[in-house]
Amino acid sequence: MNRIDAAIAIVIRGQKVLICQRKADDTFGNLWEFPGGKQEEGETLEQCLARELREELAIEARPIARLPVVEHDYPHVLIRLHPFICAHSRGEPQHLECQASQWIDPHQLTEFEFPPANEGLIRQTIAFLMTSALPSASP
């Protein structure tokens, strides 16, 4: 079975978290997700994170914490999500690879429809953000 390792950016600005809506014609079209994507050969997860944020949204963010890896078995692939809590550092999101984005309160994450692999990740994210002291502003 194929396995995909993906770096996921849970980007925080103030008390808000960034989510993106997948393009309608993508797999899981119109569903919401955290920005990120597939790790390329020879790339660290941190490099992957920075590249994906640049390619998808033209923003920069600094990883400040790692959450546990989330594995999900889809019928055709095993996906391993490597989530990072990131502090937003530069740029306003541009929709280069998604059709929309929103800065929302962490407790609102459950109000949006995400792909199945994200269920555990959303629970972890809410728990982490509700119990952690986050940097209040970009440096």
Protein backbone atom coordinates (compact mmCIF):
# COMPACT_ATOMS: atom_id res chain seq x y z
CA MET A 1 0.00 0.00 0.00
CA ASN A 2 1.12 3.53 -0.72
CA ARG A 3 2.07 5.70 2.21
CA ILE A 4 2.07 9.47 2.22
CA ASP A 5 3.76 11.57 4.87
CA ALA A 6 2.33 15.07 5.02
CA ALA A 7 3.42 18.08 7.07
CA ILE A 8 0.42 19.96 8.44
CA ALA A 9 0.57 23.60 9.59
CA ILE A 10 -1.83 24.65 12.32
CA VAL A 11 -1.13 28.35 11.88
CA ILE A 12 -1.99 30.61 14.80
CA ARG A 13 -2.33 34.40 14.70
CA GLY A 14 -3.50 36.00 17.93
CA GLN A 15 -6.16 33.63 19.24
CA LYS A 16 -7.23 32.47 15.77
CA VAL A 17 -6.31 29.41 13.72
CA LEU A 18 -6.11 29.32 9.90
CA ILE A 19 -8.17 26.85 7.88
CA CYS A 20 -8.40 26.51 4.10
CA GLN A 21 -11.17 25.21 1.87
CA ARG A 22 -10.16 22.69 -0.77
CA LYS A 23 -10.96 23.50 -4.40
CA ALA A 24 -14.28 22.06 -5.52
CA ASP A 25 -12.64 19.78 -8.13
CA ASP A 26 -10.02 18.36 -5.71
CA THR A 27 -10.26 15.12 -3.78
CA PHE A 28 -12.47 16.01 -0.79
CA GLY A 29 -13.55 19.12 -2.72
CA ASN A 30 -15.07 21.96 -0.67
CA LEU A 31 -13.99 20.37 2.62
CA TRP A 32 -11.83 22.37 5.03
CA GLU A 33 -8.30 21.53 6.08
CA PHE A 34 -5.18 22.89 7.68
CA PRO A 35 -2.58 23.96 5.11
CA GLY A 36 0.22 21.52 4.35
CA GLY A 37 1.06 18.73 2.01
CA LYS A 38 3.12 15.78 0.94
CA GLN A 39 6.73 15.56 2.02
CA GLU A 40 9.06 15.33 -0.97
CA GLU A 41 12.11 13.10 -1.28
CA GLY A 42 15.06 14.44 0.74
CA GLU A 43 13.00 17.13 2.44
CA THR A 44 12.61 17.52 6.22
CA LEU A 45 9.10 17.97 7.58
CA GLU A 46 10.00 21.56 8.53
CA GLN A 47 11.18 22.28 4.96
CA CYS A 48 8.01 20.71 3.62
CA LEU A 49 5.92 22.91 5.91
CA ALA A 50 7.64 26.12 4.78
CA ARG A 51 7.36 25.14 1.08
CA GLU A 52 3.69 24.20 1.32
CA LEU A 53 2.77 27.45 3.11
CA ARG A 54 4.64 29.41 0.42
CA GLU A 55 3.07 27.45 -2.48
CA GLU A 56 -0.48 27.28 -1.13
CA LEU A 57 -0.92 30.62 0.63
CA ALA A 58 2.20 32.80 0.16
CA ILE A 59 2.63 33.09 3.94
CA GLU A 60 5.37 32.25 6.43
CA ALA A 61 4.93 30.67 9.84
CA ARG A 62 7.33 29.40 12.49
CA PRO A 63 6.83 25.91 14.00
CA ILE A 64 6.55 26.21 17.79
CA ALA A 65 5.23 22.76 18.78
CA ARG A 66 4.60 19.31 17.32
CA LEU A 67 1.48 17.27 17.89
CA PRO A 68 1.44 13.46 17.73
CA VAL A 69 1.42 11.88 14.26
CA VAL A 70 -2.06 11.01 13.00
CA GLU A 71 -2.38 7.93 10.78
CA HIS A 72 -5.42 7.26 8.64
CA ASP A 73 -6.09 4.34 6.33
CA TYR A 74 -7.92 5.40 3.21
CA PRO A 75 -8.85 2.57 0.82
CA HIS A 76 -5.98 3.46 -1.56
CA VAL A 77 -3.35 4.97 0.74
CA LEU A 78 -2.10 5.19 4.30
CA ILE A 79 -1.69 8.85 5.20
CA ARG A 80 0.49 10.01 8.06
CA LEU A 81 -0.14 13.60 9.13
CA HIS A 82 2.73 15.32 10.95
CA PRO A 83 1.05 18.33 12.59
CA PHE A 84 2.94 21.41 13.74
CA ILE A 85 1.52 24.30 15.72
CA CYS A 86 2.96 27.36 13.93
CA ALA A 87 3.07 31.05 14.77
CA HIS A 88 2.13 33.20 11.77
CA SER A 89 5.08 35.43 10.90
CA ARG A 90 4.50 37.03 7.50
CA GLY A 91 1.97 37.52 4.72
CA GLU A 92 -1.78 37.54 4.25
CA PRO A 93 -3.16 34.24 2.91
CA GLN A 94 -3.54 34.17 -0.87
CA HIS A 95 -5.67 31.38 -2.31
CA LEU A 96 -3.08 29.83 -4.63
CA GLU A 97 -4.06 26.19 -4.01
CA CYS A 98 -7.37 26.55 -2.17
CA GLN A 99 -10.63 28.40 -2.83
CA ALA A 100 -11.03 30.11 0.55
CA SER A 101 -9.45 30.54 3.95
CA GLN A 102 -10.62 31.76 7.34
CA TRP A 103 -9.09 32.68 10.69
CA ILE A 104 -11.39 31.10 13.27
CA ASP A 105 -11.53 30.47 17.02
CA PRO A 106 -10.17 26.98 17.82
CA HIS A 107 -13.51 25.84 19.30
CA GLN A 108 -15.14 26.54 15.90
CA LEU A 109 -13.07 23.79 14.22
CA THR A 110 -15.84 21.27 14.90
CA GLU A 111 -18.30 23.40 12.90
CA PHE A 112 -16.43 22.85 9.61
CA GLU A 113 -16.33 19.66 7.56
CA PHE A 114 -12.79 18.25 7.26
CA PRO A 115 -11.58 15.05 5.50
CA PRO A 116 -11.84 11.90 7.69
CA ALA A 117 -8.10 11.80 8.51
CA ASN A 118 -8.49 15.11 10.37
CA GLU A 119 -10.94 14.01 13.09
CA GLY A 120 -8.27 13.07 15.65
CA LEU A 121 -6.13 16.02 14.63
CA ILE A 122 -8.96 18.47 15.31
CA ARG A 123 -9.49 17.03 18.80
CA GLN A 124 -5.73 17.27 19.51
CA THR A 125 -5.56 20.81 18.14
CA ILE A 126 -8.46 22.09 20.24
CA ALA A 127 -7.05 20.42 23.37
CA PHE A 128 -3.58 21.86 22.73
CA LEU A 129 -4.76 25.38 21.92
CA MET A 130 -7.16 25.55 24.86
CA THR A 131 -4.46 24.57 27.35
CA SER A 132 -1.35 26.29 25.99
CA ALA A 133 -0.05 29.79 26.30
CA LEU A 134 0.39 30.90 22.72
CA PRO A 135 2.51 33.73 21.42
CA SER A 136 0.07 36.61 21.18
CA ALA A 137 1.64 38.31 18.19
CA SER A 138 4.04 37.75 15.35
CA PRO A 139 7.62 38.79 16.19
